[in-house]
Protein backbone atom coordinates (compact mmCIF):
# COMPACT_ATOMS: atom_id res chain seq x y z
CA MET A 1 132.70 84.81 -245.65
CA LYS A 2 134.49 87.84 -244.16
CA LYS A 3 131.56 88.44 -241.81
CA LEU A 4 131.77 84.89 -240.51
CA PHE A 5 135.52 85.26 -239.95
CA PHE A 6 135.07 88.46 -237.93
CA LEU A 7 132.27 86.89 -235.91
CA PHE A 8 134.61 84.13 -234.73
CA LEU A 9 137.41 86.61 -234.22
CA PHE A 10 135.47 88.50 -231.57
CA LEU A 11 133.79 85.63 -229.75
CA PRO A 12 134.83 85.40 -226.12
CA VAL A 13 137.66 83.00 -225.45
CA SER A 14 135.56 81.27 -222.79
CA LEU A 15 133.30 79.85 -225.49
CA PHE A 16 136.23 77.74 -226.63
CA SER A 17 137.52 76.90 -223.16
CA GLN A 18 137.50 73.32 -222.11
CA ILE A 19 138.77 71.70 -218.95
CA TYR A 20 138.28 67.95 -218.77
CA VAL A 21 138.35 65.97 -215.54
CA ASP A 22 137.51 62.26 -215.73
CA GLY A 23 136.09 62.80 -219.24
CA VAL A 24 133.73 65.59 -218.10
CA ASP A 25 134.05 69.08 -219.62
CA ILE A 26 133.46 71.11 -216.47
CA ASN A 27 133.01 74.32 -218.49
CA VAL A 28 129.85 73.18 -220.28
CA ASP A 29 128.12 71.33 -217.44
CA ASP A 30 125.80 73.97 -215.94
CA GLU A 31 125.45 72.00 -212.71
CA ILE A 32 129.14 72.53 -212.00
CA GLN A 33 129.59 76.05 -210.65
CA TYR A 34 132.46 75.51 -208.20
CA CYS A 35 135.54 73.37 -208.10
CA GLN A 36 138.41 72.90 -205.70
CA ILE A 37 141.99 72.23 -206.64
CA SER A 38 144.36 70.59 -204.17
CA ALA A 39 148.06 71.04 -204.76
CA VAL A 40 150.57 69.07 -202.75
CA ILE A 41 154.22 69.99 -202.98
CA GLY A 42 156.17 66.78 -202.72
CA PHE A 43 159.72 65.55 -202.65
CA LYS A 44 162.14 67.59 -204.81
CA LYS A 45 159.46 70.28 -205.26
CA THR A 46 157.25 68.06 -207.43
CA MET A 47 153.65 69.21 -207.51
CA ASN A 48 150.62 66.91 -207.52
CA ILE A 49 147.34 68.54 -208.50
CA ILE A 50 143.81 67.18 -208.40
CA LEU A 51 140.56 68.89 -209.30
CA ASP A 52 137.37 68.10 -207.41
CA TYR A 53 134.09 69.33 -208.90
CA GLY A 54 131.91 67.10 -206.73
CA GLN A 55 132.63 63.80 -208.44
CA GLY A 56 133.88 62.19 -205.23
CA VAL A 57 137.65 62.18 -204.96
CA LYS A 58 139.07 59.23 -203.08
CA SER A 59 142.70 59.27 -204.15
CA TRP A 60 145.27 60.93 -206.37
CA THR A 61 144.27 59.21 -209.59
CA THR A 62 144.33 60.25 -213.22
CA LYS A 63 140.54 60.65 -212.93
CA THR A 64 141.12 63.84 -210.98
CA LYS A 65 143.84 65.26 -213.21
CA ILE A 66 143.24 68.29 -215.42
CA LYS A 67 143.17 67.80 -219.18
CA ASN A 68 142.88 70.39 -221.95
CA LYS A 69 140.55 70.50 -224.97
CA GLU A 70 142.76 67.96 -226.76
CA ARG A 71 142.24 65.78 -223.66
CA GLU A 72 145.94 65.82 -222.93
CA LEU A 73 147.17 65.94 -219.35
CA VAL A 74 148.08 69.49 -218.37
CA GLU A 75 151.19 69.91 -216.27
CA PHE A 76 151.98 73.13 -214.45
CA ASN A 77 155.36 74.64 -213.61
CA GLY A 78 153.91 76.38 -210.59
CA LEU A 79 150.78 77.49 -208.81
CA VAL A 80 150.57 80.84 -210.60
CA GLN A 81 150.52 79.06 -213.96
CA LEU A 82 147.67 76.91 -212.62
CA MET A 83 145.69 79.99 -211.54
CA ASN A 84 146.29 81.67 -214.92
CA PHE A 85 145.11 78.52 -216.70
CA MET A 86 141.89 78.45 -214.69
CA ASN A 87 141.27 82.17 -215.26
CA GLN A 88 141.83 81.83 -219.02
CA ASN A 89 139.33 78.98 -219.06
CA GLY A 90 136.49 80.88 -217.42
CA TRP A 91 137.07 80.37 -213.66
CA GLU A 92 137.81 82.88 -210.91
CA LEU A 93 139.58 82.25 -207.62
CA VAL A 94 137.30 82.77 -204.61
CA ASP A 95 139.26 81.21 -201.73
CA SER A 96 142.56 79.61 -200.87
CA ILE A 97 143.82 77.64 -197.88
CA TYR A 98 147.35 76.58 -196.97
CA ARG A 99 147.86 73.59 -194.66
CA LYS A 100 151.45 73.73 -193.48
CA ASP A 101 151.15 70.46 -191.57
CA GLN A 102 150.20 68.65 -194.81
CA ASN A 103 152.23 70.84 -197.21
CA ARG A 104 148.99 71.26 -199.15
CA GLU A 105 147.26 74.21 -200.76
CA LYS A 106 143.60 74.26 -201.73
CA TYR A 107 142.04 76.70 -204.16
CA THR A 108 138.32 77.15 -204.65
CA PHE A 109 137.21 78.48 -208.03
CA LYS A 110 133.81 79.70 -209.24
CA LYS A 111 132.71 79.59 -212.83
CA LYS A 112 132.65 83.14 -214.24
CA GLU A 113 129.28 84.55 -215.25
CA LYS A 114 128.61 84.17 -218.96
CA THR A 115 128.46 87.44 -220.83
CA ASP A 116 126.07 87.67 -223.74
């Protein structure tokens, strides 16, 4: 039993990572290698975030919102918290764009290589 405990103790965190968007766990779907997050800073510094993994985003709906492994909506206090969340769940930032005219930031993430 102790061996089994230590095995789980040292497994990479990414094995347990789960990010759900529209009911899809984007961490386990091997066809999903990239995703883009759009963050719009709105009135009174509210932040709207959507995640596009290629599912066809047409509007700011709950289908594009990020959910955790308990499938609860994840809310972020800021953009750095969002980037830390993605990193902890097996994604690395590869590009970012700021559109001042739209008050929008876009972040492109790539799924980290699995280590065996």
